[in-house]
mmCIF file of all heavy atoms, coordinates in Angstrom:
data_MODEL
# 
_entry.id   MODEL 
# 
loop_
_atom_site.group_PDB 
_atom_site.id 
_atom_site.type_symbol 
_atom_site.label_atom_id 
_atom_site.label_alt_id 
_atom_site.label_comp_id 
_atom_site.label_asym_id 
_atom_site.label_entity_id 
_atom_site.label_seq_id 
_atom_site.pdbx_PDB_ins_code 
_atom_site.Cartn_x 
_atom_site.Cartn_y 
_atom_site.Cartn_z 
_atom_site.occupancy 
_atom_site.B_iso_or_equiv 
_atom_site.pdbx_formal_charge 
_atom_site.auth_seq_id 
_atom_site.auth_comp_id 
_atom_site.auth_asym_id 
_atom_site.auth_atom_id 
_atom_site.pdbx_PDB_model_num 
ATOM 1   N N   . LEU A 1 1  ? -10.812 -0.955  -6.854  1.00 0.00 ? 1  LEU A N   1 
ATOM 2   C CA  . LEU A 1 1  ? -9.941  -0.844  -5.672  1.00 0.00 ? 1  LEU A CA  1 
ATOM 3   C C   . LEU A 1 1  ? -9.923  0.546   -5.165  1.00 0.00 ? 1  LEU A C   1 
ATOM 4   O O   . LEU A 1 1  ? -9.799  1.492   -5.899  1.00 0.00 ? 1  LEU A O   1 
ATOM 5   C CB  . LEU A 1 1  ? -8.543  -1.298  -6.067  1.00 0.00 ? 1  LEU A CB  1 
ATOM 6   C CG  . LEU A 1 1  ? -8.357  -2.654  -6.666  1.00 0.00 ? 1  LEU A CG  1 
ATOM 7   C CD1 . LEU A 1 1  ? -6.945  -2.798  -7.229  1.00 0.00 ? 1  LEU A CD1 1 
ATOM 8   C CD2 . LEU A 1 1  ? -8.546  -3.717  -5.563  1.00 0.00 ? 1  LEU A CD2 1 
ATOM 9   N N   . MET A 1 2  ? -10.070 0.676   -3.832  1.00 0.00 ? 2  MET A N   1 
ATOM 10  C CA  . MET A 1 2  ? -9.889  1.988   -3.206  1.00 0.00 ? 2  MET A CA  1 
ATOM 11  C C   . MET A 1 2  ? -8.394  2.194   -2.977  1.00 0.00 ? 2  MET A C   1 
ATOM 12  O O   . MET A 1 2  ? -7.784  1.588   -2.067  1.00 0.00 ? 2  MET A O   1 
ATOM 13  C CB  . MET A 1 2  ? -10.645 2.002   -1.827  1.00 0.00 ? 2  MET A CB  1 
ATOM 14  C CG  . MET A 1 2  ? -10.613 3.326   -1.119  1.00 0.00 ? 2  MET A CG  1 
ATOM 15  S SD  . MET A 1 2  ? -11.718 4.551   -1.834  1.00 0.00 ? 2  MET A SD  1 
ATOM 16  C CE  . MET A 1 2  ? -13.285 3.858   -1.471  1.00 0.00 ? 2  MET A CE  1 
ATOM 17  N N   . VAL A 1 3  ? -7.825  3.052   -3.772  1.00 0.00 ? 3  VAL A N   1 
ATOM 18  C CA  . VAL A 1 3  ? -6.336  3.140   -3.812  1.00 0.00 ? 3  VAL A CA  1 
ATOM 19  C C   . VAL A 1 3  ? -5.764  4.266   -2.985  1.00 0.00 ? 3  VAL A C   1 
ATOM 20  O O   . VAL A 1 3  ? -4.599  4.303   -2.736  1.00 0.00 ? 3  VAL A O   1 
ATOM 21  C CB  . VAL A 1 3  ? -5.786  3.221   -5.238  1.00 0.00 ? 3  VAL A CB  1 
ATOM 22  C CG1 . VAL A 1 3  ? -6.102  1.959   -6.005  1.00 0.00 ? 3  VAL A CG1 1 
ATOM 23  C CG2 . VAL A 1 3  ? -6.307  4.417   -5.995  1.00 0.00 ? 3  VAL A CG2 1 
ATOM 24  N N   . ASN A 1 4  ? -6.598  5.215   -2.604  1.00 0.00 ? 4  ASN A N   1 
ATOM 25  C CA  . ASN A 1 4  ? -6.065  6.347   -1.830  1.00 0.00 ? 4  ASN A CA  1 
ATOM 26  C C   . ASN A 1 4  ? -5.980  5.967   -0.345  1.00 0.00 ? 4  ASN A C   1 
ATOM 27  O O   . ASN A 1 4  ? -6.808  6.280   0.461   1.00 0.00 ? 4  ASN A O   1 
ATOM 28  C CB  . ASN A 1 4  ? -6.933  7.582   -2.023  1.00 0.00 ? 4  ASN A CB  1 
ATOM 29  C CG  . ASN A 1 4  ? -6.291  8.797   -1.483  1.00 0.00 ? 4  ASN A CG  1 
ATOM 30  O OD1 . ASN A 1 4  ? -5.075  8.849   -1.295  1.00 0.00 ? 4  ASN A OD1 1 
ATOM 31  N ND2 . ASN A 1 4  ? -7.067  9.852   -1.227  1.00 0.00 ? 4  ASN A ND2 1 
ATOM 32  N N   . LEU A 1 5  ? -4.915  5.192   -0.070  1.00 0.00 ? 5  LEU A N   1 
ATOM 33  C CA  . LEU A 1 5  ? -4.737  4.560   1.200   1.00 0.00 ? 5  LEU A CA  1 
ATOM 34  C C   . LEU A 1 5  ? -3.529  5.104   1.906   1.00 0.00 ? 5  LEU A C   1 
ATOM 35  O O   . LEU A 1 5  ? -2.439  5.211   1.236   1.00 0.00 ? 5  LEU A O   1 
ATOM 36  C CB  . LEU A 1 5  ? -4.631  3.074   0.972   1.00 0.00 ? 5  LEU A CB  1 
ATOM 37  C CG  . LEU A 1 5  ? -4.310  2.185   2.221   1.00 0.00 ? 5  LEU A CG  1 
ATOM 38  C CD1 . LEU A 1 5  ? -5.526  2.132   3.132   1.00 0.00 ? 5  LEU A CD1 1 
ATOM 39  C CD2 . LEU A 1 5  ? -4.027  0.774   1.783   1.00 0.00 ? 5  LEU A CD2 1 
ATOM 40  N N   . HIS A 1 6  ? -3.601  5.505   3.127   1.00 0.00 ? 6  HIS A N   1 
ATOM 41  C CA  . HIS A 1 6  ? -2.441  5.972   3.893   1.00 0.00 ? 6  HIS A CA  1 
ATOM 42  C C   . HIS A 1 6  ? -1.984  4.793   4.728   1.00 0.00 ? 6  HIS A C   1 
ATOM 43  O O   . HIS A 1 6  ? -2.689  4.365   5.652   1.00 0.00 ? 6  HIS A O   1 
ATOM 44  C CB  . HIS A 1 6  ? -2.820  7.174   4.778   1.00 0.00 ? 6  HIS A CB  1 
ATOM 45  C CG  . HIS A 1 6  ? -3.322  8.296   4.001   1.00 0.00 ? 6  HIS A CG  1 
ATOM 46  N ND1 . HIS A 1 6  ? -2.454  9.172   3.347   1.00 0.00 ? 6  HIS A ND1 1 
ATOM 47  C CD2 . HIS A 1 6  ? -4.533  8.710   3.726   1.00 0.00 ? 6  HIS A CD2 1 
ATOM 48  C CE1 . HIS A 1 6  ? -3.182  10.097  2.727   1.00 0.00 ? 6  HIS A CE1 1 
ATOM 49  N NE2 . HIS A 1 6  ? -4.480  9.814   2.912   1.00 0.00 ? 6  HIS A NE2 1 
ATOM 50  N N   . THR A 1 7  ? -0.821  4.305   4.462   1.00 0.00 ? 7  THR A N   1 
ATOM 51  C CA  . THR A 1 7  ? -0.279  3.094   5.150   1.00 0.00 ? 7  THR A CA  1 
ATOM 52  C C   . THR A 1 7  ? 0.389   3.527   6.509   1.00 0.00 ? 7  THR A C   1 
ATOM 53  O O   . THR A 1 7  ? 1.570   3.580   6.582   1.00 0.00 ? 7  THR A O   1 
ATOM 54  C CB  . THR A 1 7  ? 0.697   2.337   4.269   1.00 0.00 ? 7  THR A CB  1 
ATOM 55  O OG1 . THR A 1 7  ? 1.733   3.228   3.915   1.00 0.00 ? 7  THR A OG1 1 
ATOM 56  C CG2 . THR A 1 7  ? 0.074   1.828   3.051   1.00 0.00 ? 7  THR A CG2 1 
ATOM 57  N N   . LYS A 1 8  ? -0.471  3.811   7.481   1.00 0.00 ? 8  LYS A N   1 
ATOM 58  C CA  . LYS A 1 8  ? 0.016   4.242   8.799   1.00 0.00 ? 8  LYS A CA  1 
ATOM 59  C C   . LYS A 1 8  ? 0.338   3.176   9.758   1.00 0.00 ? 8  LYS A C   1 
ATOM 60  O O   . LYS A 1 8  ? 0.977   3.421   10.791  1.00 0.00 ? 8  LYS A O   1 
ATOM 61  C CB  . LYS A 1 8  ? -1.036  5.162   9.394   1.00 0.00 ? 8  LYS A CB  1 
ATOM 62  C CG  . LYS A 1 8  ? -1.317  6.433   8.632   1.00 0.00 ? 8  LYS A CG  1 
ATOM 63  C CD  . LYS A 1 8  ? -2.303  7.306   9.271   1.00 0.00 ? 8  LYS A CD  1 
ATOM 64  C CE  . LYS A 1 8  ? -2.498  8.551   8.524   1.00 0.00 ? 8  LYS A CE  1 
ATOM 65  N NZ  . LYS A 1 8  ? -3.318  9.523   9.153   1.00 0.00 ? 8  LYS A NZ  1 
ATOM 66  N N   . ASN A 1 9  ? -0.084  1.966   9.488   1.00 0.00 ? 9  ASN A N   1 
ATOM 67  C CA  . ASN A 1 9  ? 0.278   0.849   10.379  1.00 0.00 ? 9  ASN A CA  1 
ATOM 68  C C   . ASN A 1 9  ? 0.431   -0.414  9.554   1.00 0.00 ? 9  ASN A C   1 
ATOM 69  O O   . ASN A 1 9  ? 0.274   -0.426  8.334   1.00 0.00 ? 9  ASN A O   1 
ATOM 70  C CB  . ASN A 1 9  ? -0.833  0.663   11.486  1.00 0.00 ? 9  ASN A CB  1 
ATOM 71  C CG  . ASN A 1 9  ? -2.164  0.430   10.922  1.00 0.00 ? 9  ASN A CG  1 
ATOM 72  O OD1 . ASN A 1 9  ? -2.312  -0.273  9.928   1.00 0.00 ? 9  ASN A OD1 1 
ATOM 73  N ND2 . ASN A 1 9  ? -3.142  1.045   11.523  1.00 0.00 ? 9  ASN A ND2 1 
ATOM 74  N N   . LYS A 1 10 ? 0.800   -1.549  10.259  1.00 0.00 ? 10 LYS A N   1 
ATOM 75  C CA  . LYS A 1 10 ? 1.053   -2.777  9.563   1.00 0.00 ? 10 LYS A CA  1 
ATOM 76  C C   . LYS A 1 10 ? -0.164  -3.308  8.803   1.00 0.00 ? 10 LYS A C   1 
ATOM 77  O O   . LYS A 1 10 ? -0.019  -3.790  7.661   1.00 0.00 ? 10 LYS A O   1 
ATOM 78  C CB  . LYS A 1 10 ? 1.583   -3.811  10.600  1.00 0.00 ? 10 LYS A CB  1 
ATOM 79  C CG  . LYS A 1 10 ? 2.007   -5.091  9.941   1.00 0.00 ? 10 LYS A CG  1 
ATOM 80  C CD  . LYS A 1 10 ? 2.578   -6.020  10.881  1.00 0.00 ? 10 LYS A CD  1 
ATOM 81  C CE  . LYS A 1 10 ? 3.036   -7.307  10.097  1.00 0.00 ? 10 LYS A CE  1 
ATOM 82  N NZ  . LYS A 1 10 ? 3.912   -8.156  10.870  1.00 0.00 ? 10 LYS A NZ  1 
ATOM 83  N N   . LYS A 1 11 ? -1.314  -3.168  9.416   1.00 0.00 ? 11 LYS A N   1 
ATOM 84  C CA  . LYS A 1 11 ? -2.558  -3.683  8.760   1.00 0.00 ? 11 LYS A CA  1 
ATOM 85  C C   . LYS A 1 11 ? -2.794  -2.965  7.452   1.00 0.00 ? 11 LYS A C   1 
ATOM 86  O O   . LYS A 1 11 ? -3.110  -3.557  6.391   1.00 0.00 ? 11 LYS A O   1 
ATOM 87  C CB  . LYS A 1 11 ? -3.747  -3.534  9.690   1.00 0.00 ? 11 LYS A CB  1 
ATOM 88  C CG  . LYS A 1 11 ? -5.043  -3.895  9.103   1.00 0.00 ? 11 LYS A CG  1 
ATOM 89  C CD  . LYS A 1 11 ? -6.200  -3.548  10.016  1.00 0.00 ? 11 LYS A CD  1 
ATOM 90  C CE  . LYS A 1 11 ? -7.564  -3.766  9.402   1.00 0.00 ? 11 LYS A CE  1 
ATOM 91  N NZ  . LYS A 1 11 ? -8.605  -3.346  10.214  1.00 0.00 ? 11 LYS A NZ  1 
ATOM 92  N N   . LEU A 1 12 ? -2.664  -1.601  7.470   1.00 0.00 ? 12 LEU A N   1 
ATOM 93  C CA  . LEU A 1 12 ? -2.873  -0.850  6.244   1.00 0.00 ? 12 LEU A CA  1 
ATOM 94  C C   . LEU A 1 12 ? -1.776  -1.068  5.253   1.00 0.00 ? 12 LEU A C   1 
ATOM 95  O O   . LEU A 1 12 ? -2.051  -1.027  4.010   1.00 0.00 ? 12 LEU A O   1 
ATOM 96  C CB  . LEU A 1 12 ? -3.042  0.634   6.638   1.00 0.00 ? 12 LEU A CB  1 
ATOM 97  C CG  . LEU A 1 12 ? -4.312  0.947   7.433   1.00 0.00 ? 12 LEU A CG  1 
ATOM 98  C CD1 . LEU A 1 12 ? -4.320  2.430   7.846   1.00 0.00 ? 12 LEU A CD1 1 
ATOM 99  C CD2 . LEU A 1 12 ? -5.541  0.643   6.632   1.00 0.00 ? 12 LEU A CD2 1 
ATOM 100 N N   . THR A 1 13 ? -0.577  -1.300  5.704   1.00 0.00 ? 13 THR A N   1 
ATOM 101 C CA  . THR A 1 13 ? 0.480   -1.592  4.791   1.00 0.00 ? 13 THR A CA  1 
ATOM 102 C C   . THR A 1 13 ? 0.195   -2.876  4.047   1.00 0.00 ? 13 THR A C   1 
ATOM 103 O O   . THR A 1 13 ? 0.408   -3.005  2.859   1.00 0.00 ? 13 THR A O   1 
ATOM 104 C CB  . THR A 1 13 ? 1.845   -1.670  5.554   1.00 0.00 ? 13 THR A CB  1 
ATOM 105 O OG1 . THR A 1 13 ? 2.122   -0.401  6.176   1.00 0.00 ? 13 THR A OG1 1 
ATOM 106 C CG2 . THR A 1 13 ? 3.005   -1.977  4.598   1.00 0.00 ? 13 THR A CG2 1 
ATOM 107 N N   . GLU A 1 14 ? -0.245  -3.883  4.776   1.00 0.00 ? 14 GLU A N   1 
ATOM 108 C CA  . GLU A 1 14 ? -0.593  -5.177  4.155   1.00 0.00 ? 14 GLU A CA  1 
ATOM 109 C C   . GLU A 1 14 ? -1.767  -4.972  3.120   1.00 0.00 ? 14 GLU A C   1 
ATOM 110 O O   . GLU A 1 14 ? -1.719  -5.618  2.063   1.00 0.00 ? 14 GLU A O   1 
ATOM 111 C CB  . GLU A 1 14 ? -0.953  -6.258  5.204   1.00 0.00 ? 14 GLU A CB  1 
ATOM 112 C CG  . GLU A 1 14 ? 0.217   -6.719  6.032   1.00 0.00 ? 14 GLU A CG  1 
ATOM 113 C CD  . GLU A 1 14 ? 1.282   -7.381  5.138   1.00 0.00 ? 14 GLU A CD  1 
ATOM 114 O OE1 . GLU A 1 14 ? 0.916   -8.193  4.278   1.00 0.00 ? 14 GLU A OE1 1 
ATOM 115 O OE2 . GLU A 1 14 ? 2.433   -7.084  5.382   1.00 0.00 ? 14 GLU A OE2 1 
ATOM 116 N N   . ARG A 1 15 ? -2.705  -4.165  3.479   1.00 0.00 ? 15 ARG A N   1 
ATOM 117 C CA  . ARG A 1 15 ? -3.779  -3.884  2.614   1.00 0.00 ? 15 ARG A CA  1 
ATOM 118 C C   . ARG A 1 15 ? -3.251  -3.171  1.287   1.00 0.00 ? 15 ARG A C   1 
ATOM 119 O O   . ARG A 1 15 ? -3.626  -3.495  0.190   1.00 0.00 ? 15 ARG A O   1 
ATOM 120 C CB  . ARG A 1 15 ? -4.863  -3.002  3.236   1.00 0.00 ? 15 ARG A CB  1 
ATOM 121 C CG  . ARG A 1 15 ? -6.105  -2.805  2.330   1.00 0.00 ? 15 ARG A CG  1 
ATOM 122 C CD  . ARG A 1 15 ? -7.155  -2.050  3.048   1.00 0.00 ? 15 ARG A CD  1 
ATOM 123 N NE  . ARG A 1 15 ? -7.680  -2.853  4.213   1.00 0.00 ? 15 ARG A NE  1 
ATOM 124 C CZ  . ARG A 1 15 ? -8.255  -2.282  5.196   1.00 0.00 ? 15 ARG A CZ  1 
ATOM 125 N NH1 . ARG A 1 15 ? -8.561  -1.034  5.245   1.00 0.00 ? 15 ARG A NH1 1 
ATOM 126 N NH2 . ARG A 1 15 ? -8.667  -3.031  6.170   1.00 0.00 ? 15 ARG A NH2 1 
ATOM 127 N N   . GLY A 1 16 ? -2.330  -2.242  1.481   1.00 0.00 ? 16 GLY A N   1 
ATOM 128 C CA  . GLY A 1 16 ? -1.710  -1.571  0.363   1.00 0.00 ? 16 GLY A CA  1 
ATOM 129 C C   . GLY A 1 16 ? -0.927  -2.535  -0.576  1.00 0.00 ? 16 GLY A C   1 
ATOM 130 O O   . GLY A 1 16 ? -1.017  -2.418  -1.750  1.00 0.00 ? 16 GLY A O   1 
ATOM 131 N N   . VAL A 1 17 ? -0.251  -3.468  0.076   1.00 0.00 ? 17 VAL A N   1 
ATOM 132 C CA  . VAL A 1 17 ? 0.484   -4.451  -0.730  1.00 0.00 ? 17 VAL A CA  1 
ATOM 133 C C   . VAL A 1 17 ? -0.469  -5.289  -1.539  1.00 0.00 ? 17 VAL A C   1 
ATOM 134 O O   . VAL A 1 17 ? -0.284  -5.551  -2.752  1.00 0.00 ? 17 VAL A O   1 
ATOM 135 C CB  . VAL A 1 17 ? 1.379   -5.358  0.154   1.00 0.00 ? 17 VAL A CB  1 
ATOM 136 C CG1 . VAL A 1 17 ? 1.932   -6.538  -0.611  1.00 0.00 ? 17 VAL A CG1 1 
ATOM 137 C CG2 . VAL A 1 17 ? 2.512   -4.510  0.749   1.00 0.00 ? 17 VAL A CG2 1 
ATOM 138 N N   . GLY A 1 18 ? -1.658  -5.670  -0.935  1.00 0.00 ? 18 GLY A N   1 
ATOM 139 C CA  . GLY A 1 18 ? -2.659  -6.442  -1.612  1.00 0.00 ? 18 GLY A CA  1 
ATOM 140 C C   . GLY A 1 18 ? -3.270  -5.654  -2.799  1.00 0.00 ? 18 GLY A C   1 
ATOM 141 O O   . GLY A 1 18 ? -3.521  -6.239  -3.863  1.00 0.00 ? 18 GLY A O   1 
ATOM 142 N N   . ILE A 1 19 ? -3.489  -4.370  -2.571  1.00 0.00 ? 19 ILE A N   1 
ATOM 143 C CA  . ILE A 1 19 ? -4.034  -3.527  -3.643  1.00 0.00 ? 19 ILE A CA  1 
ATOM 144 C C   . ILE A 1 19 ? -3.048  -3.486  -4.806  1.00 0.00 ? 19 ILE A C   1 
ATOM 145 O O   . ILE A 1 19 ? -3.398  -3.588  -5.998  1.00 0.00 ? 19 ILE A O   1 
ATOM 146 C CB  . ILE A 1 19 ? -4.332  -2.103  -3.111  1.00 0.00 ? 19 ILE A CB  1 
ATOM 147 C CG1 . ILE A 1 19 ? -5.542  -2.153  -2.185  1.00 0.00 ? 19 ILE A CG1 1 
ATOM 148 C CG2 . ILE A 1 19 ? -4.532  -1.093  -4.295  1.00 0.00 ? 19 ILE A CG2 1 
ATOM 149 C CD1 . ILE A 1 19 ? -5.797  -0.862  -1.389  1.00 0.00 ? 19 ILE A CD1 1 
ATOM 150 N N   . LEU A 1 20 ? -1.742  -3.314  -4.459  1.00 0.00 ? 20 LEU A N   1 
ATOM 151 C CA  . LEU A 1 20 ? -0.726  -3.271  -5.512  1.00 0.00 ? 20 LEU A CA  1 
ATOM 152 C C   . LEU A 1 20 ? -0.701  -4.595  -6.327  1.00 0.00 ? 20 LEU A C   1 
ATOM 153 O O   . LEU A 1 20 ? -0.555  -4.625  -7.515  1.00 0.00 ? 20 LEU A O   1 
ATOM 154 C CB  . LEU A 1 20 ? 0.640   -2.984  -4.951  1.00 0.00 ? 20 LEU A CB  1 
ATOM 155 C CG  . LEU A 1 20 ? 0.935   -1.505  -4.601  1.00 0.00 ? 20 LEU A CG  1 
ATOM 156 C CD1 . LEU A 1 20 ? 2.255   -1.348  -3.932  1.00 0.00 ? 20 LEU A CD1 1 
ATOM 157 C CD2 . LEU A 1 20 ? 0.891   -0.662  -5.877  1.00 0.00 ? 20 LEU A CD2 1 
ATOM 158 N N   . GLU A 1 21 ? -0.817  -5.701  -5.563  1.00 0.00 ? 21 GLU A N   1 
ATOM 159 C CA  . GLU A 1 21 ? -0.793  -7.027  -6.197  1.00 0.00 ? 21 GLU A CA  1 
ATOM 160 C C   . GLU A 1 21 ? -1.897  -7.121  -7.239  1.00 0.00 ? 21 GLU A C   1 
ATOM 161 O O   . GLU A 1 21 ? -1.693  -7.497  -8.370  1.00 0.00 ? 21 GLU A O   1 
ATOM 162 C CB  . GLU A 1 21 ? -0.943  -8.166  -5.221  1.00 0.00 ? 21 GLU A CB  1 
ATOM 163 C CG  . GLU A 1 21 ? 0.291   -8.447  -4.406  1.00 0.00 ? 21 GLU A CG  1 
ATOM 164 C CD  . GLU A 1 21 ? -0.010  -9.585  -3.454  1.00 0.00 ? 21 GLU A CD  1 
ATOM 165 O OE1 . GLU A 1 21 ? -0.784  -9.396  -2.469  1.00 0.00 ? 21 GLU A OE1 1 
ATOM 166 O OE2 . GLU A 1 21 ? 0.536   -10.631 -3.653  1.00 0.00 ? 21 GLU A OE2 1 
ATOM 167 N N   . ASN A 1 22 ? -3.080  -6.711  -6.830  1.00 0.00 ? 22 ASN A N   1 
ATOM 168 C CA  . ASN A 1 22 ? -4.261  -6.784  -7.691  1.00 0.00 ? 22 ASN A CA  1 
ATOM 169 C C   . ASN A 1 22 ? -4.162  -5.794  -8.829  1.00 0.00 ? 22 ASN A C   1 
ATOM 170 O O   . ASN A 1 22 ? -4.596  -6.133  -9.984  1.00 0.00 ? 22 ASN A O   1 
ATOM 171 C CB  . ASN A 1 22 ? -5.556  -6.493  -6.884  1.00 0.00 ? 22 ASN A CB  1 
ATOM 172 C CG  . ASN A 1 22 ? -5.907  -7.678  -6.010  1.00 0.00 ? 22 ASN A CG  1 
ATOM 173 O OD1 . ASN A 1 22 ? -5.634  -8.786  -6.309  1.00 0.00 ? 22 ASN A OD1 1 
ATOM 174 N ND2 . ASN A 1 22 ? -6.555  -7.352  -4.886  1.00 0.00 ? 22 ASN A ND2 1 
ATOM 175 N N   . ALA A 1 23 ? -3.732  -4.598  -8.620  1.00 0.00 ? 23 ALA A N   1 
ATOM 176 C CA  . ALA A 1 23 ? -3.757  -3.555  -9.605  1.00 0.00 ? 23 ALA A CA  1 
ATOM 177 C C   . ALA A 1 23 ? -2.620  -3.723  -10.670 1.00 0.00 ? 23 ALA A C   1 
ATOM 178 O O   . ALA A 1 23 ? -2.795  -3.391  -11.802 1.00 0.00 ? 23 ALA A O   1 
ATOM 179 C CB  . ALA A 1 23 ? -3.621  -2.193  -8.930  1.00 0.00 ? 23 ALA A CB  1 
ATOM 180 N N   . THR A 1 24 ? -1.485  -4.263  -10.223 1.00 0.00 ? 24 THR A N   1 
ATOM 181 C CA  . THR A 1 24 ? -0.357  -4.305  -11.112 1.00 0.00 ? 24 THR A CA  1 
ATOM 182 C C   . THR A 1 24 ? 0.029   -5.704  -11.560 1.00 0.00 ? 24 THR A C   1 
ATOM 183 O O   . THR A 1 24 ? 0.824   -5.884  -12.536 1.00 0.00 ? 24 THR A O   1 
ATOM 184 C CB  . THR A 1 24 ? 0.947   -3.701  -10.490 1.00 0.00 ? 24 THR A CB  1 
ATOM 185 O OG1 . THR A 1 24 ? 1.250   -4.466  -9.297  1.00 0.00 ? 24 THR A OG1 1 
ATOM 186 C CG2 . THR A 1 24 ? 0.634   -2.223  -10.081 1.00 0.00 ? 24 THR A CG2 1 
ATOM 187 N N   . GLY A 1 25 ? -0.452  -6.723  -10.846 1.00 0.00 ? 25 GLY A N   1 
ATOM 188 C CA  . GLY A 1 25 ? -0.069  -8.109  -11.211 1.00 0.00 ? 25 GLY A CA  1 
ATOM 189 C C   . GLY A 1 25 ? 1.274   -8.505  -10.641 1.00 0.00 ? 25 GLY A C   1 
ATOM 190 O O   . GLY A 1 25 ? 1.837   -9.562  -10.972 1.00 0.00 ? 25 GLY A O   1 
ATOM 191 N N   . LEU A 1 26 ? 1.863   -7.669  -9.757  1.00 0.00 ? 26 LEU A N   1 
ATOM 192 C CA  . LEU A 1 26 ? 3.149   -7.990  -9.128  1.00 0.00 ? 26 LEU A CA  1 
ATOM 193 C C   . LEU A 1 26 ? 2.977   -9.074  -8.020  1.00 0.00 ? 26 LEU A C   1 
ATOM 194 O O   . LEU A 1 26 ? 1.888   -9.220  -7.535  1.00 0.00 ? 26 LEU A O   1 
ATOM 195 C CB  . LEU A 1 26 ? 3.750   -6.736  -8.483  1.00 0.00 ? 26 LEU A CB  1 
ATOM 196 C CG  . LEU A 1 26 ? 4.156   -5.598  -9.418  1.00 0.00 ? 26 LEU A CG  1 
ATOM 197 C CD1 . LEU A 1 26 ? 4.488   -4.361  -8.603  1.00 0.00 ? 26 LEU A CD1 1 
ATOM 198 C CD2 . LEU A 1 26 ? 5.288   -6.023  -10.292 1.00 0.00 ? 26 LEU A CD2 1 
ATOM 199 N N   . ASP A 1 27 ? 4.077   -9.774  -7.766  1.00 0.00 ? 27 ASP A N   1 
ATOM 200 C CA  . ASP A 1 27 ? 4.057   -10.695 -6.659  1.00 0.00 ? 27 ASP A CA  1 
ATOM 201 C C   . ASP A 1 27 ? 4.099   -9.895  -5.327  1.00 0.00 ? 27 ASP A C   1 
ATOM 202 O O   . ASP A 1 27 ? 4.466   -8.711  -5.310  1.00 0.00 ? 27 ASP A O   1 
ATOM 203 C CB  . ASP A 1 27 ? 5.207   -11.747 -6.748  1.00 0.00 ? 27 ASP A CB  1 
ATOM 204 C CG  . ASP A 1 27 ? 6.572   -10.996 -6.663  1.00 0.00 ? 27 ASP A CG  1 
ATOM 205 O OD1 . ASP A 1 27 ? 7.092   -10.655 -7.762  1.00 0.00 ? 27 ASP A OD1 1 
ATOM 206 O OD2 . ASP A 1 27 ? 7.070   -10.883 -5.540  1.00 0.00 ? 27 ASP A OD2 1 
ATOM 207 N N   . ARG A 1 28 ? 3.798   -10.530 -4.210  1.00 0.00 ? 28 ARG A N   1 
ATOM 208 C CA  . ARG A 1 28 ? 3.693   -9.900  -2.905  1.00 0.00 ? 28 ARG A CA  1 
ATOM 209 C C   . ARG A 1 28 ? 4.974   -9.204  -2.503  1.00 0.00 ? 28 ARG A C   1 
ATOM 210 O O   . ARG A 1 28 ? 5.004   -8.097  -2.011  1.00 0.00 ? 28 ARG A O   1 
ATOM 211 C CB  . ARG A 1 28 ? 3.196   -10.883 -1.876  1.00 0.00 ? 28 ARG A CB  1 
ATOM 212 C CG  . ARG A 1 28 ? 2.915   -10.294 -0.544  1.00 0.00 ? 28 ARG A CG  1 
ATOM 213 C CD  . ARG A 1 28 ? 1.952   -11.193 0.230   1.00 0.00 ? 28 ARG A CD  1 
ATOM 214 N NE  . ARG A 1 28 ? 1.330   -10.480 1.330   1.00 0.00 ? 28 ARG A NE  1 
ATOM 215 C CZ  . ARG A 1 28 ? 0.265   -9.603  1.190   1.00 0.00 ? 28 ARG A CZ  1 
ATOM 216 N NH1 . ARG A 1 28 ? -0.202  -9.418  -0.009  1.00 0.00 ? 28 ARG A NH1 1 
ATOM 217 N NH2 . ARG A 1 28 ? -0.227  -9.074  2.229   1.00 0.00 ? 28 ARG A NH2 1 
# 
């Protein structure tokens, strides 16, 4: 996972949430 992500807009925020889901096993 490319984790150094700057969540500057909604699309990138959604991508960040997806990365967190995959990396930590948390729900959305």
